[in-house]
């Protein structure tokens, strides 16, 4: 199969819809990362997504809705009629945008989407190309990140091509993603709203809007079968080069955001430094994270070493991605580095 890349336009969106309605897959841009899209209510399309990515069927998908109207989603059977009040409040405040809500599954949503669970992850994205695609389709689009399972998420069309060339017919090129990390995932199916995956929309922002406590569930850093949410497996977003997290600031740098280091594990050799943000802005660091990780992975270094992530509203999200991508930790010992492998339960 030859994979074509087309810039987003009215014609390319119509071409994408044609491919999707025929049961095939299309990669598309969102404000977070590029998604691998298939019609979300058709089991055969869902199975193709899992096959193209090499993704286990125990890892559920996110459905991108054609409208932010949860009542419409319930009437079409995507979600249950039992929509929590919190969901309506959050959709009005944060949609379109990088917030995914876990809600009770509707009868029209295939179990293949939800890994057999009675809940489904839904969101209404902000990227105009995605919204144009969804408006034309008028049905939900399943869209995990457009990469091989467990690898670095793509934030531009070229990265998608590197990952899935020959596996899908079309990539819609909408430029570089503005947020750069996956959406915040919040479960609204329990007694207390619970963040299952941190993202650009923080727990504090959500708590302020709904007027109650929001908790975070870090237990997803341990493998579960099935996963309770998309993007919560213990090992995810990983480069092929082993990545380690330093237990203390690395002495080479002045800025806390100069925290990517390539090392030969030989302290006498000059490290190769990459900077996520010259301005010290966490939102720029998040936007650049996957792109620079992907570039770094191509250099053939024996290891990637991360400085500790400085505190900020986005720190939980960036730390989450780096922890899932990591092979372990590193610390200074006798003028060199001691690398310790991460235990994955």
Foldseek 3Di string as FASTA:
>chain_A
DAADEDAQDPVVLVVQLVQQVVLFWEWEAFLAFIWIKHFQLDPSSLVLVCVLQVNDLLFAWEWAALDLDVVVCCVVFQAPPPDDPLSVLCSVVAPQHQEKEKGAGGPSGDCSRVSNDRIHIYHHTDDPSVNVSSPVNVGIITIDALAHWQAAGHFFPVVSCVGRGPSGHYYHTHDGRQQQHHGFYWYPPDPAIETAADGPCFQVNSCVRVVHHYYYDLPLLAADGRRNHHPSHVAHNAFPAAEAEEPAADPPDDALQQFKWFDLQDLVDDIDTDGQDPVNDVSSSSSCVRVVNVVVSVPPGNYIYTYQHDDDRGNRNVVSSRSNHHQYYWYDDPSTIDGDGDDHD
